[in-house]
Amino acid sequence: MLPASARMRSSAAFDQAVRGGVRCGRPTVVVHARVTAGENGAKAPAQVGFIVSKKVGNAVTRNRVKRRLRHLVRAELPGTADGALVVVRALPASATEPTRLAADLSAAWHSCLGRLAVGR
């Protein structure tokens, strides 16, 4: 489980990350990221949201994929910059190739956040 401060809840935050940030894709996941300034210019902790559509599978499969993604993101979160909004979108292959999911998520995560750092 992710800490409460690290969970993205508002649709506006999802829109900011997906529409206004950078995108990095792999065969099982797509990672969208954006760095924002918090209130009064202070940086808020990094927040993560997940999108797992019905194309991934039935409810049991989607929930299993979300649990795997949450577990994998928890390891990536400490090295993430403050103020980062990250959305992880699971593709249908994430349900059929769970062994590949960890490597794909890590590669997409670091690639996206690296592109953000270069863009500053």
PDB file of N, CA and C in Angstrom:
ATOM      1  N   MET A   1       0.843  -1.182   0.000  1.00  0.00           N
ATOM      2  CA  MET A   1       0.000   0.000   0.000  1.00  0.00           C
ATOM      3  C   MET A   1       0.884   1.240   0.000  1.00  0.00           C
ATOM      4  N   LEU A   2       0.479   2.207  -0.781  1.00  0.00           N
ATOM      5  CA  LEU A   2       1.207   3.474  -0.827  1.00  0.00           C
ATOM      6  C   LEU A   2       0.764   4.369   0.312  1.00  0.00           C
ATOM      7  N   PRO A   3       1.635   5.240   0.807  1.00  0.00           N
ATOM      8  CA  PRO A   3       1.210   6.184   1.841  1.00  0.00           C
ATOM      9  C   PRO A   3       0.138   7.122   1.279  1.00  0.00           C
ATOM     10  N   ALA A   4      -0.721   7.624   2.150  1.00  0.00           N
ATOM     11  CA  ALA A   4      -1.831   8.477   1.713  1.00  0.00           C
ATOM     12  C   ALA A   4      -1.348   9.711   0.976  1.00  0.00           C
ATOM     13  N   SER A   5      -0.228  10.273   1.394  1.00  0.00           N
ATOM     14  CA  SER A   5       0.279  11.489   0.747  1.00  0.00           C
ATOM     15  C   SER A   5       0.798  11.216  -0.664  1.00  0.00           C
ATOM     16  N   ALA A   6       1.047   9.957  -0.997  1.00  0.00           N
ATOM     17  CA  ALA A   6       1.591   9.611  -2.307  1.00  0.00           C
ATOM     18  C   ALA A   6       0.519   9.181  -3.300  1.00  0.00           C
ATOM     19  N   ARG A   7      -0.739   9.134  -2.872  1.00  0.00           N
ATOM     20  CA  ARG A   7      -1.813   8.690  -3.768  1.00  0.00           C
ATOM     21  C   ARG A   7      -2.457   9.864  -4.482  1.00  0.00           C
ATOM     22  N   MET A   8      -2.610   9.722  -5.769  1.00  0.00           N
ATOM     23  CA  MET A   8      -3.274  10.735  -6.573  1.00  0.00           C
ATOM     24  C   MET A   8      -4.767  10.422  -6.582  1.00  0.00           C
ATOM     25  N   ARG A   9      -5.580  11.425  -6.222  1.00  0.00           N
ATOM     26  CA  ARG A   9      -7.018  11.182  -6.112  1.00  0.00           C
ATOM     27  C   ARG A   9      -7.863  12.026  -7.059  1.00  0.00           C
ATOM     28  N   SER A  10      -7.417  13.226  -7.370  1.00  0.00           N
ATOM     29  CA  SER A  10      -8.269  14.128  -8.151  1.00  0.00           C
ATOM     30  C   SER A  10      -8.073  13.916  -9.649  1.00  0.00           C
ATOM     31  N   SER A  11      -9.158  14.057 -10.380  1.00  0.00           N
ATOM     32  CA  SER A  11      -9.076  13.905 -11.833  1.00  0.00           C
ATOM     33  C   SER A  11      -8.260  15.036 -12.446  1.00  0.00           C
ATOM     34  N   ALA A  12      -8.236  16.193 -11.788  1.00  0.00           N
ATOM     35  CA  ALA A  12      -7.428  17.309 -12.294  1.00  0.00           C
ATOM     36  C   ALA A  12      -5.939  16.957 -12.265  1.00  0.00           C
ATOM     37  N   ALA A  13      -5.505  16.273 -11.224  1.00  0.00           N
ATOM     38  CA  ALA A  13      -4.098  15.860 -11.136  1.00  0.00           C
ATOM     39  C   ALA A  13      -3.775  14.832 -12.222  1.00  0.00           C
ATOM     40  N   PHE A  14      -4.712  13.898 -12.472  1.00  0.00           N
ATOM     41  CA  PHE A  14      -4.518  12.920 -13.544  1.00  0.00           C
ATOM     42  C   PHE A  14      -4.395  13.650 -14.883  1.00  0.00           C
ATOM     43  N   ASP A  15      -5.277  14.617 -15.133  1.00  0.00           N
ATOM     44  CA  ASP A  15      -5.243  15.372 -16.384  1.00  0.00           C
ATOM     45  C   ASP A  15      -3.939  16.136 -16.542  1.00  0.00           C
ATOM     46  N   GLN A  16      -3.453  16.756 -15.463  1.00  0.00           N
ATOM     47  CA  GLN A  16      -2.188  17.494 -15.523  1.00  0.00           C
ATOM     48  C   GLN A  16      -1.050  16.580 -15.949  1.00  0.00           C
ATOM     49  N   ALA A  17      -0.984  15.405 -15.358  1.00  0.00           N
ATOM     50  CA  ALA A  17       0.117  14.490 -15.657  1.00  0.00           C
ATOM     51  C   ALA A  17       0.003  13.907 -17.062  1.00  0.00           C
ATOM     52  N   VAL A  18      -1.203  13.522 -17.456  1.00  0.00           N
ATOM     53  CA  VAL A  18      -1.371  12.852 -18.743  1.00  0.00           C
ATOM     54  C   VAL A  18      -1.296  13.835 -19.906  1.00  0.00           C
ATOM     55  N   ARG A  19      -1.939  14.976 -19.768  1.00  0.00           N
ATOM     56  CA  ARG A  19      -2.006  15.918 -20.888  1.00  0.00           C
ATOM     57  C   ARG A  19      -0.850  16.908 -20.937  1.00  0.00           C
ATOM     58  N   GLY A  20      -0.259  17.203 -19.777  1.00  0.00           N
ATOM     59  CA  GLY A  20       0.758  18.249 -19.767  1.00  0.00           C
ATOM     60  C   GLY A  20       2.159  17.780 -19.490  1.00  0.00           C
ATOM     61  N   GLY A  21       2.373  16.493 -19.377  1.00  0.00           N
ATOM     62  CA  GLY A  21       3.698  16.009 -19.024  1.00  0.00           C
ATOM     63  C   GLY A  21       4.354  15.225 -20.137  1.00  0.00           C
ATOM     64  N   VAL A  22       5.342  14.435 -19.764  1.00  0.00           N
ATOM     65  CA  VAL A  22       6.043  13.583 -20.720  1.00  0.00           C
ATOM     66  C   VAL A  22       5.504  12.166 -20.612  1.00  0.00           C
ATOM     67  N   ARG A  23       5.704  11.396 -21.690  1.00  0.00           N
ATOM     68  CA  ARG A  23       5.169  10.032 -21.726  1.00  0.00           C
ATOM     69  C   ARG A  23       6.264   9.087 -22.177  1.00  0.00           C
ATOM     70  N   CYS A  24       6.355   7.948 -21.484  1.00  0.00           N
ATOM     71  CA  CYS A  24       7.312   6.914 -21.857  1.00  0.00           C
ATOM     72  C   CYS A  24       6.588   5.575 -21.848  1.00  0.00           C
ATOM     73  N   GLY A  25       6.645   4.861 -22.937  1.00  0.00           N
ATOM     74  CA  GLY A  25       5.908   3.607 -23.046  1.00  0.00           C
ATOM     75  C   GLY A  25       6.813   2.406 -23.159  1.00  0.00           C
ATOM     76  N   ARG A  26       6.308   1.310 -22.689  1.00  0.00           N
ATOM     77  CA  ARG A  26       6.927   0.000 -22.810  1.00  0.00           C
ATOM     78  C   ARG A  26       5.809  -0.976 -23.179  1.00  0.00           C
ATOM     79  N   PRO A  27       6.117  -2.231 -23.499  1.00  0.00           N
ATOM     80  CA  PRO A  27       5.058  -3.158 -23.935  1.00  0.00           C
ATOM     81  C   PRO A  27       3.962  -3.428 -22.900  1.00  0.00           C
ATOM     82  N   THR A  28       4.261  -3.278 -21.616  1.00  0.00           N
ATOM     83  CA  THR A  28       3.242  -3.578 -20.607  1.00  0.00           C
ATOM     84  C   THR A  28       2.677  -2.359 -19.902  1.00  0.00           C
ATOM     85  N   VAL A  29       3.405  -1.233 -19.908  1.00  0.00           N
ATOM     86  CA  VAL A  29       2.934  -0.029 -19.214  1.00  0.00           C
ATOM     87  C   VAL A  29       3.318   1.235 -19.982  1.00  0.00           C
ATOM     88  N   VAL A  30       2.578   2.299 -19.684  1.00  0.00           N
ATOM     89  CA  VAL A  30       2.917   3.636 -20.154  1.00  0.00           C
ATOM     90  C   VAL A  30       2.965   4.516 -18.915  1.00  0.00           C
ATOM     91  N   VAL A  31       4.029   5.290 -18.768  1.00  0.00           N
ATOM     92  CA  VAL A  31       4.185   6.180 -17.617  1.00  0.00           C
ATOM     93  C   VAL A  31       4.095   7.621 -18.105  1.00  0.00           C
ATOM     94  N   HIS A  32       3.218   8.387 -17.481  1.00  0.00           N
ATOM     95  CA  HIS A  32       3.079   9.821 -17.742  1.00  0.00           C
ATOM     96  C   HIS A  32       3.592  10.544 -16.502  1.00  0.00           C
ATOM     97  N   ALA A  33       4.363  11.617 -16.674  1.00  0.00           N
ATOM     98  CA  ALA A  33       4.900  12.335 -15.518  1.00  0.00           C
ATOM     99  C   ALA A  33       4.974  13.825 -15.787  1.00  0.00           C
ATOM    100  N   ARG A  34       4.853  14.581 -14.704  1.00  0.00           N
ATOM    101  CA  ARG A  34       4.966  16.032 -14.757  1.00  0.00           C
ATOM    102  C   ARG A  34       5.370  16.522 -13.371  1.00  0.00           C
ATOM    103  N   VAL A  35       6.192  17.547 -13.317  1.00  0.00           N
ATOM    104  CA  VAL A  35       6.561  18.155 -12.037  1.00  0.00           C
ATOM    105  C   VAL A  35       5.783  19.449 -11.898  1.00  0.00           C
ATOM    106  N   THR A  36       5.129  19.619 -10.745  1.00  0.00           N
ATOM    107  CA  THR A  36       4.347  20.825 -10.496  1.00  0.00           C
ATOM    108  C   THR A  36       4.812  21.483  -9.213  1.00  0.00           C
ATOM    109  N   ALA A  37       4.562  22.766  -9.112  1.00  0.00           N
ATOM    110  CA  ALA A  37       4.836  23.493  -7.871  1.00  0.00           C
ATOM    111  C   ALA A  37       3.580  23.444  -7.016  1.00  0.00           C
ATOM    112  N   GLY A  38       3.747  23.246  -5.744  1.00  0.00           N
ATOM    113  CA  GLY A  38       2.615  23.209  -4.826  1.00  0.00           C
ATOM    114  C   GLY A  38       2.161  24.602  -4.459  1.00  0.00           C
ATOM    115  N   GLU A  39       1.387  24.687  -3.407  1.00  0.00           N
ATOM    116  CA  GLU A  39       0.909  25.986  -2.940  1.00  0.00           C
ATOM    117  C   GLU A  39       2.081  26.818  -2.415  1.00  0.00           C
ATOM    118  N   ASN A  40       2.060  28.111  -2.685  1.00  0.00           N
ATOM    119  CA  ASN A  40       3.099  29.053  -2.252  1.00  0.00           C
ATOM    120  C   ASN A  40       4.484  28.667  -2.773  1.00  0.00           C
ATOM    121  N   GLY A  41       4.537  27.957  -3.891  1.00  0.00           N
ATOM    122  CA  GLY A  41       5.810  27.583  -4.484  1.00  0.00           C
ATOM    123  C   GLY A  41       6.492  26.402  -3.813  1.00  0.00           C
ATOM    124  N   ALA A  42       5.918  25.893  -2.722  1.00  0.00           N
ATOM    125  CA  ALA A  42       6.516  24.756  -2.026  1.00  0.00           C
ATOM    126  C   ALA A  42       6.212  23.473  -2.799  1.00  0.00           C
ATOM    127  N   LYS A  43       7.147  22.571  -2.799  1.00  0.00           N
ATOM    128  CA  LYS A  43       6.959  21.303  -3.500  1.00  0.00           C
ATOM    129  C   LYS A  43       6.219  20.314  -2.605  1.00  0.00           C
ATOM    130  N   ALA A  44       5.173  19.728  -3.150  1.00  0.00           N
ATOM    131  CA  ALA A  44       4.426  18.687  -2.459  1.00  0.00           C
ATOM    132  C   ALA A  44       5.138  17.352  -2.688  1.00  0.00           C
ATOM    133  N   PRO A  45       4.855  16.347  -1.882  1.00  0.00           N
ATOM    134  CA  PRO A  45       5.473  15.043  -2.141  1.00  0.00           C
ATOM    135  C   PRO A  45       4.981  14.480  -3.471  1.00  0.00           C
ATOM    136  N   ALA A  46       5.759  13.582  -4.040  1.00  0.00           N
ATOM    137  CA  ALA A  46       5.386  12.959  -5.312  1.00  0.00           C
ATOM    138  C   ALA A  46       4.091  12.176  -5.130  1.00  0.00           C
ATOM    139  N   GLN A  47       3.238  12.223  -6.147  1.00  0.00           N
ATOM    140  CA  GLN A  47       1.970  11.494  -6.115  1.00  0.00           C
ATOM    141  C   GLN A  47       1.884  10.576  -7.322  1.00  0.00           C
ATOM    142  N   VAL A  48       1.268   9.413  -7.108  1.00  0.00           N
ATOM    143  CA  VAL A  48       1.164   8.400  -8.153  1.00  0.00           C
ATOM    144  C   VAL A  48      -0.285   7.976  -8.303  1.00  0.00           C
ATOM    145  N   GLY A  49      -0.718   7.809  -9.551  1.00  0.00           N
ATOM    146  CA  GLY A  49      -2.051   7.309  -9.851  1.00  0.00           C
ATOM    147  C   GLY A  49      -1.942   6.171 -10.858  1.00  0.00           C
ATOM    148  N   PHE A  50      -2.972   5.339 -10.907  1.00  0.00           N
ATOM    149  CA  PHE A  50      -2.960   4.170 -11.780  1.00  0.00           C
ATOM    150  C   PHE A  50      -4.197   4.158 -12.658  1.00  0.00           C
ATOM    151  N   ILE A  51      -4.023   3.752 -13.909  1.00  0.00           N
ATOM    152  CA  ILE A  51      -5.127   3.571 -14.835  1.00  0.00           C
ATOM    153  C   ILE A  51      -5.029   2.141 -15.352  1.00  0.00           C
ATOM    154  N   VAL A  52      -6.063   1.348 -15.059  1.00  0.00           N
ATOM    155  CA  VAL A  52      -6.129  -0.032 -15.543  1.00  0.00           C
ATOM    156  C   VAL A  52      -7.512  -0.210 -16.153  1.00  0.00           C
ATOM    157  N   SER A  53      -7.586  -0.222 -17.479  1.00  0.00           N
ATOM    158  CA  SER A  53      -8.881  -0.266 -18.163  1.00  0.00           C
ATOM    159  C   SER A  53      -9.409  -1.693 -18.270  1.00  0.00           C
ATOM    160  N   LYS A  54     -10.625  -1.796 -18.760  1.00  0.00           N
ATOM    161  CA  LYS A  54     -11.251  -3.109 -18.926  1.00  0.00           C
ATOM    162  C   LYS A  54     -10.583  -3.933 -20.022  1.00  0.00           C
ATOM    163  N   LYS A  55      -9.790  -3.307 -20.862  1.00  0.00           N
ATOM    164  CA  LYS A  55      -9.061  -4.054 -21.888  1.00  0.00           C
ATOM    165  C   LYS A  55      -8.021  -4.981 -21.274  1.00  0.00           C
ATOM    166  N   VAL A  56      -7.607  -4.679 -20.040  1.00  0.00           N
ATOM    167  CA  VAL A  56      -6.611  -5.503 -19.358  1.00  0.00           C
ATOM    168  C   VAL A  56      -7.209  -6.849 -18.959  1.00  0.00           C
ATOM    169  N   GLY A  57      -8.476  -6.863 -18.588  1.00  0.00           N
ATOM    170  CA  GLY A  57      -9.123  -8.114 -18.207  1.00  0.00           C
ATOM    171  C   GLY A  57     -10.327  -7.856 -17.324  1.00  0.00           C
ATOM    172  N   ASN A  58     -10.813  -8.921 -16.710  1.00  0.00           N
ATOM    173  CA  ASN A  58     -11.965  -8.779 -15.815  1.00  0.00           C
ATOM    174  C   ASN A  58     -11.537  -8.125 -14.504  1.00  0.00           C
ATOM    175  N   ALA A  59     -12.463  -7.942 -13.588  1.00  0.00           N
ATOM    176  CA  ALA A  59     -12.192  -7.215 -12.346  1.00  0.00           C
ATOM    177  C   ALA A  59     -11.076  -7.867 -11.525  1.00  0.00           C
ATOM    178  N   VAL A  60     -11.078  -9.180 -11.465  1.00  0.00           N
ATOM    179  CA  VAL A  60     -10.054  -9.885 -10.696  1.00  0.00           C
ATOM    180  C   VAL A  60      -8.668  -9.623 -11.293  1.00  0.00           C
ATOM    181  N   THR A  61      -8.578  -9.690 -12.593  1.00  0.00           N
ATOM    182  CA  THR A  61      -7.303  -9.457 -13.277  1.00  0.00           C
ATOM    183  C   THR A  61      -6.848  -8.019 -13.119  1.00  0.00           C
ATOM    184  N   ARG A  62      -7.771  -7.059 -13.285  1.00  0.00           N
ATOM    185  CA  ARG A  62      -7.408  -5.648 -13.141  1.00  0.00           C
ATOM    186  C   ARG A  62      -6.905  -5.350 -11.732  1.00  0.00           C
ATOM    187  N   ASN A  63      -7.573  -5.887 -10.734  1.00  0.00           N
ATOM    188  CA  ASN A  63      -7.141  -5.648  -9.353  1.00  0.00           C
ATOM    189  C   ASN A  63      -5.780  -6.289  -9.082  1.00  0.00           C
ATOM    190  N   ARG A  64      -5.530  -7.447  -9.654  1.00  0.00           N
ATOM    191  CA  ARG A  64      -4.227  -8.095  -9.480  1.00  0.00           C
ATOM    192  C   ARG A  64      -3.123  -7.238 -10.103  1.00  0.00           C
ATOM    193  N   VAL A  65      -3.386  -6.705 -11.286  1.00  0.00           N
ATOM    194  CA  VAL A  65      -2.404  -5.844 -11.952  1.00  0.00           C
ATOM    195  C   VAL A  65      -2.163  -4.586 -11.120  1.00  0.00           C
ATOM    196  N   LYS A  66      -3.224  -3.983 -10.576  1.00  0.00           N
ATOM    197  CA  LYS A  66      -3.062  -2.783  -9.744  1.00  0.00           C
ATOM    198  C   LYS A  66      -2.238  -3.076  -8.497  1.00  0.00           C
ATOM    199  N   ARG A  67      -2.475  -4.223  -7.866  1.00  0.00           N
ATOM    200  CA  ARG A  67      -1.686  -4.586  -6.679  1.00  0.00           C
ATOM    201  C   ARG A  67      -0.213  -4.744  -7.035  1.00  0.00           C
ATOM    202  N   ARG A  68       0.062  -5.390  -8.157  1.00  0.00           N
ATOM    203  CA  ARG A  68       1.458  -5.554  -8.588  1.00  0.00           C
ATOM    204  C   ARG A  68       2.104  -4.202  -8.856  1.00  0.00           C
ATOM    205  N   LEU A  69       1.374  -3.325  -9.553  1.00  0.00           N
ATOM    206  CA  LEU A  69       1.921  -2.010  -9.861  1.00  0.00           C
ATOM    207  C   LEU A  69       2.183  -1.194  -8.601  1.00  0.00           C
ATOM    208  N   ARG A  70       1.247  -1.215  -7.650  1.00  0.00           N
ATOM    209  CA  ARG A  70       1.447  -0.482  -6.388  1.00  0.00           C
ATOM    210  C   ARG A  70       2.692  -0.982  -5.672  1.00  0.00           C
ATOM    211  N   HIS A  71       2.871  -2.293  -5.652  1.00  0.00           N
ATOM    212  CA  HIS A  71       4.042  -2.874  -4.996  1.00  0.00           C
ATOM    213  C   HIS A  71       5.334  -2.415  -5.681  1.00  0.00           C
ATOM    214  N   LEU A  72       5.346  -2.416  -6.999  1.00  0.00           N
ATOM    215  CA  LEU A  72       6.546  -2.018  -7.742  1.00  0.00           C
ATOM    216  C   LEU A  72       6.825  -0.513  -7.622  1.00  0.00           C
ATOM    217  N   VAL A  73       5.774   0.291  -7.610  1.00  0.00           N
ATOM    218  CA  VAL A  73       5.941   1.743  -7.506  1.00  0.00           C
ATOM    219  C   VAL A  73       6.456   2.132  -6.131  1.00  0.00           C
ATOM    220  N   ARG A  74       6.073   1.400  -5.131  1.00  0.00           N
ATOM    221  CA  ARG A  74       6.524   1.713  -3.768  1.00  0.00           C
ATOM    222  C   ARG A  74       8.045   1.709  -3.677  1.00  0.00           C
ATOM    223  N   ALA A  75       8.695   0.838  -4.439  1.00  0.00           N
ATOM    224  CA  ALA A  75      10.161   0.793  -4.438  1.00  0.00           C
ATOM    225  C   ALA A  75      10.766   1.967  -5.214  1.00  0.00           C
ATOM    226  N   GLU A  76      10.051   2.488  -6.202  1.00  0.00           N
ATOM    227  CA  GLU A  76      10.556   3.586  -7.033  1.00  0.00           C
ATOM    228  C   GLU A  76      10.312   4.957  -6.402  1.00  0.00           C
ATOM    229  N   LEU A  77       9.355   5.061  -5.520  1.00  0.00           N
ATOM    230  CA  LEU A  77       8.903   6.343  -4.990  1.00  0.00           C
ATOM    231  C   LEU A  77       9.959   7.126  -4.206  1.00  0.00           C
ATOM    232  N   PRO A  78      10.800   6.511  -3.372  1.00  0.00           N
ATOM    233  CA  PRO A  78      11.761   7.302  -2.603  1.00  0.00           C
ATOM    234  C   PRO A  78      12.727   8.125  -3.456  1.00  0.00           C
ATOM    235  N   GLY A  79      13.078   7.674  -4.638  1.00  0.00           N
ATOM    236  CA  GLY A  79      14.007   8.412  -5.487  1.00  0.00           C
ATOM    237  C   GLY A  79      13.337   9.416  -6.405  1.00  0.00           C
ATOM    238  N   THR A  80      12.033   9.601  -6.254  1.00  0.00           N
ATOM    239  CA  THR A  80      11.281  10.485  -7.142  1.00  0.00           C
ATOM    240  C   THR A  80      11.286  11.909  -6.597  1.00  0.00           C
ATOM    241  N   ALA A  81      11.418  12.874  -7.485  1.00  0.00           N
ATOM    242  CA  ALA A  81      11.482  14.285  -7.094  1.00  0.00           C
ATOM    243  C   ALA A  81      10.180  14.743  -6.453  1.00  0.00           C
ATOM    244  N   ASP A  82      10.299  15.665  -5.492  1.00  0.00           N
ATOM    245  CA  ASP A  82       9.107  16.251  -4.886  1.00  0.00           C
ATOM    246  C   ASP A  82       8.339  17.039  -5.941  1.00  0.00           C
ATOM    247  N   GLY A  83       7.024  17.009  -5.830  1.00  0.00           N
ATOM    248  CA  GLY A  83       6.174  17.726  -6.769  1.00  0.00           C
ATOM    249  C   GLY A  83       5.870  16.952  -8.035  1.00  0.00           C
ATOM    250  N   ALA A  84       6.367  15.733  -8.152  1.00  0.00           N
ATOM    251  CA  ALA A  84       6.123  14.938  -9.356  1.00  0.00           C
ATOM    252  C   ALA A  84       4.726  14.328  -9.307  1.00  0.00           C
ATOM    253  N   LEU A  85       4.042  14.412 -10.423  1.00  0.00           N
ATOM    254  CA  LEU A  85       2.768  13.719 -10.606  1.00  0.00           C
ATOM    255  C   LEU A  85       3.030  12.623 -11.632  1.00  0.00           C
ATOM    256  N   VAL A  86       2.830  11.374 -11.230  1.00  0.00           N
ATOM    257  CA  VAL A  86       3.127  10.246 -12.107  1.00  0.00           C
ATOM    258  C   VAL A  86       1.871   9.396 -12.258  1.00  0.00           C
ATOM    259  N   VAL A  87       1.512   9.089 -13.493  1.00  0.00           N
ATOM    260  CA  VAL A  87       0.384   8.210 -13.774  1.00  0.00           C
ATOM    261  C   VAL A  87       0.920   6.993 -14.505  1.00  0.00           C
ATOM    262  N   VAL A  88       0.590   5.810 -13.989  1.00  0.00           N
ATOM    263  CA  VAL A  88       1.010   4.559 -14.601  1.00  0.00           C
ATOM    264  C   VAL A  88      -0.222   3.930 -15.241  1.00  0.00           C
ATOM    265  N   ARG A  89      -0.169   3.764 -16.564  1.00  0.00           N
ATOM    266  CA  ARG A  89      -1.290   3.167 -17.293  1.00  0.00           C
ATOM    267  C   ARG A  89      -0.891   1.765 -17.716  1.00  0.00           C
ATOM    268  N   ALA A  90      -1.665   0.778 -17.286  1.00  0.00           N
ATOM    269  CA  ALA A  90      -1.374  -0.613 -17.619  1.00  0.00           C
ATOM    270  C   ALA A  90      -1.954  -0.941 -18.991  1.00  0.00           C
ATOM    271  N   LEU A  91      -1.188  -1.653 -19.781  1.00  0.00           N
ATOM    272  CA  LEU A  91      -1.635  -2.120 -21.084  1.00  0.00           C
ATOM    273  C   LEU A  91      -2.067  -3.584 -20.962  1.00  0.00           C
ATOM    274  N   PRO A  92      -2.824  -4.112 -21.913  1.00  0.00           N
ATOM    275  CA  PRO A  92      -3.307  -5.505 -21.812  1.00  0.00           C
ATOM    276  C   PRO A  92      -2.201  -6.535 -21.583  1.00  0.00           C
ATOM    277  N   ALA A  93      -1.009  -6.286 -22.084  1.00  0.00           N
ATOM    278  CA  ALA A  93       0.095  -7.239 -21.897  1.00  0.00           C
ATOM    279  C   ALA A  93       0.527  -7.344 -20.441  1.00  0.00           C
ATOM    280  N   SER A  94       0.171  -6.364 -19.600  1.00  0.00           N
ATOM    281  CA  SER A  94       0.569  -6.416 -18.190  1.00  0.00           C
ATOM    282  C   SER A  94      -0.092  -7.580 -17.455  1.00  0.00           C
ATOM    283  N   ALA A  95      -1.242  -8.028 -17.930  1.00  0.00           N
ATOM    284  CA  ALA A  95      -1.911  -9.159 -17.304  1.00  0.00           C
ATOM    285  C   ALA A  95      -1.359 -10.488 -17.806  1.00  0.00           C
ATOM    286  N   THR A  96      -0.935 -10.515 -19.058  1.00  0.00           N
ATOM    287  CA  THR A  96      -0.463 -11.772 -19.639  1.00  0.00           C
ATOM    288  C   THR A  96       1.030 -11.999 -19.468  1.00  0.00           C
ATOM    289  N   GLU A  97       1.787 -10.931 -19.182  1.00  0.00           N
ATOM    290  CA  GLU A  97       3.238 -11.042 -19.001  1.00  0.00           C
ATOM    291  C   GLU A  97       3.678 -10.407 -17.682  1.00  0.00           C
ATOM    292  N   PRO A  98       3.258 -10.965 -16.545  1.00  0.00           N
ATOM    293  CA  PRO A  98       3.602 -10.338 -15.262  1.00  0.00           C
ATOM    294  C   PRO A  98       5.091 -10.351 -14.944  1.00  0.00           C
ATOM    295  N   THR A  99       5.838 -11.267 -15.509  1.00  0.00           N
ATOM    296  CA  THR A  99       7.278 -11.310 -15.225  1.00  0.00           C
ATOM    297  C   THR A  99       8.006 -10.138 -15.872  1.00  0.00           C
ATOM    298  N   ARG A 100       7.454  -9.599 -16.924  1.00  0.00           N
ATOM    299  CA  ARG A 100       8.064  -8.482 -17.634  1.00  0.00           C
ATOM    300  C   ARG A 100       7.674  -7.138 -17.025  1.00  0.00           C
ATOM    301  N   LEU A 101       6.637  -7.122 -16.213  1.00  0.00           N
ATOM    302  CA  LEU A 101       6.064  -5.889 -15.691  1.00  0.00           C
ATOM    303  C   LEU A 101       7.072  -5.068 -14.879  1.00  0.00           C
ATOM    304  N   ALA A 102       7.831  -5.707 -14.019  1.00  0.00           N
ATOM    305  CA  ALA A 102       8.776  -4.986 -13.161  1.00  0.00           C
ATOM    306  C   ALA A 102       9.849  -4.273 -13.973  1.00  0.00           C
ATOM    307  N   ALA A 103      10.431  -4.958 -14.939  1.00  0.00           N
ATOM    308  CA  ALA A 103      11.479  -4.342 -15.755  1.00  0.00           C
ATOM    309  C   ALA A 103      10.920  -3.213 -16.601  1.00  0.00           C
ATOM    310  N   ASP A 104       9.736  -3.405 -17.176  1.00  0.00           N
ATOM    311  CA  ASP A 104       9.131  -2.367 -18.005  1.00  0.00           C
ATOM    312  C   ASP A 104       8.778  -1.134 -17.192  1.00  0.00           C
ATOM    313  N   LEU A 105       8.215  -1.335 -16.009  1.00  0.00           N
ATOM    314  CA  LEU A 105       7.841  -0.193 -15.172  1.00  0.00           C
ATOM    315  C   LEU A 105       9.085   0.591 -14.748  1.00  0.00           C
ATOM    316  N   SER A 106      10.110  -0.112 -14.320  1.00  0.00           N
ATOM    317  CA  SER A 106      11.327   0.565 -13.882  1.00  0.00           C
ATOM    318  C   SER A 106      11.969   1.349 -15.031  1.00  0.00           C
ATOM    319  N   ALA A 107      12.039   0.754 -16.198  1.00  0.00           N
ATOM    320  CA  ALA A 107      12.644   1.428 -17.351  1.00  0.00           C
ATOM    321  C   ALA A 107      11.831   2.659 -17.756  1.00  0.00           C
ATOM    322  N   ALA A 108      10.520   2.527 -17.823  1.00  0.00           N
ATOM    323  CA  ALA A 108       9.667   3.654 -18.214  1.00  0.00           C
ATOM    324  C   ALA A 108       9.707   4.748 -17.155  1.00  0.00           C
ATOM    325  N   TRP A 109       9.702   4.364 -15.883  1.00  0.00           N
ATOM    326  CA  TRP A 109       9.723   5.321 -14.775  1.00  0.00           C
ATOM    327  C   TRP A 109      10.981   6.185 -14.847  1.00  0.00           C
ATOM    328  N   HIS A 110      12.140   5.529 -14.934  1.00  0.00           N
ATOM    329  CA  HIS A 110      13.411   6.259 -14.951  1.00  0.00           C
ATOM    330  C   HIS A 110      13.576   7.067 -16.235  1.00  0.00           C
ATOM    331  N   SER A 111      13.092   6.564 -17.334  1.00  0.00           N
ATOM    332  CA  SER A 111      13.170   7.296 -18.587  1.00  0.00           C
ATOM    333  C   SER A 111      12.326   8.566 -18.534  1.00  0.00           C
ATOM    334  N   CYS A 112      11.128   8.446 -18.008  1.00  0.00           N
ATOM    335  CA  CYS A 112      10.215   9.605 -17.907  1.00  0.00           C
ATOM    336  C   CYS A 112      10.779  10.664 -16.967  1.00  0.00           C
ATOM    337  N   LEU A 113      11.204  10.259 -15.811  1.00  0.00           N
ATOM    338  CA  LEU A 113      11.721  11.227 -14.844  1.00  0.00           C
ATOM    339  C   LEU A 113      13.054  11.809 -15.306  1.00  0.00           C
ATOM    340  N   GLY A 114      13.819  11.056 -16.056  1.00  0.00           N
ATOM    341  CA  GLY A 114      15.044  11.584 -16.637  1.00  0.00           C
ATOM    342  C   GLY A 114      14.755  12.643 -17.686  1.00  0.00           C
ATOM    343  N   ARG A 115      13.730  12.432 -18.478  1.00  0.00           N
ATOM    344  CA  ARG A 115      13.325  13.437 -19.476  1.00  0.00           C
ATOM    345  C   ARG A 115      12.819  14.706 -18.799  1.00  0.00           C
ATOM    346  N   LEU A 116      12.160  14.565 -17.652  1.00  0.00           N
ATOM    347  CA  LEU A 116      11.706  15.738 -16.923  1.00  0.00           C
ATOM    348  C   LEU A 116      12.881  16.548 -16.390  1.00  0.00           C
ATOM    349  N   ALA A 117      13.905  15.859 -15.876  1.00  0.00           N
ATOM    350  CA  ALA A 117      15.069  16.538 -15.322  1.00  0.00           C
ATOM    351  C   ALA A 117      15.840  17.271 -16.410  1.00  0.00           C
ATOM    352  N   VAL A 118      15.921  16.699 -17.596  1.00  0.00           N
ATOM    353  CA  VAL A 118      16.627  17.328 -18.702  1.00  0.00           C
ATOM    354  C   VAL A 118      15.857  18.537 -19.193  1.00  0.00           C
ATOM    355  N   GLY A 119      14.521  18.463 -19.156  1.00  0.00           N
ATOM    356  CA  GLY A 119      13.681  19.547 -19.644  1.00  0.00           C
ATOM    357  C   GLY A 119      13.669  20.771 -18.781  1.00  0.00           C
ATOM    358  N   ARG A 120      14.197  20.697 -17.591  1.00  0.00           N
ATOM    359  CA  ARG A 120      14.176  21.848 -16.671  1.00  0.00           C
ATOM    360  C   ARG A 120      15.133  22.890 -17.068  1.00  0.00           C
TER     361      ARG A 120
END
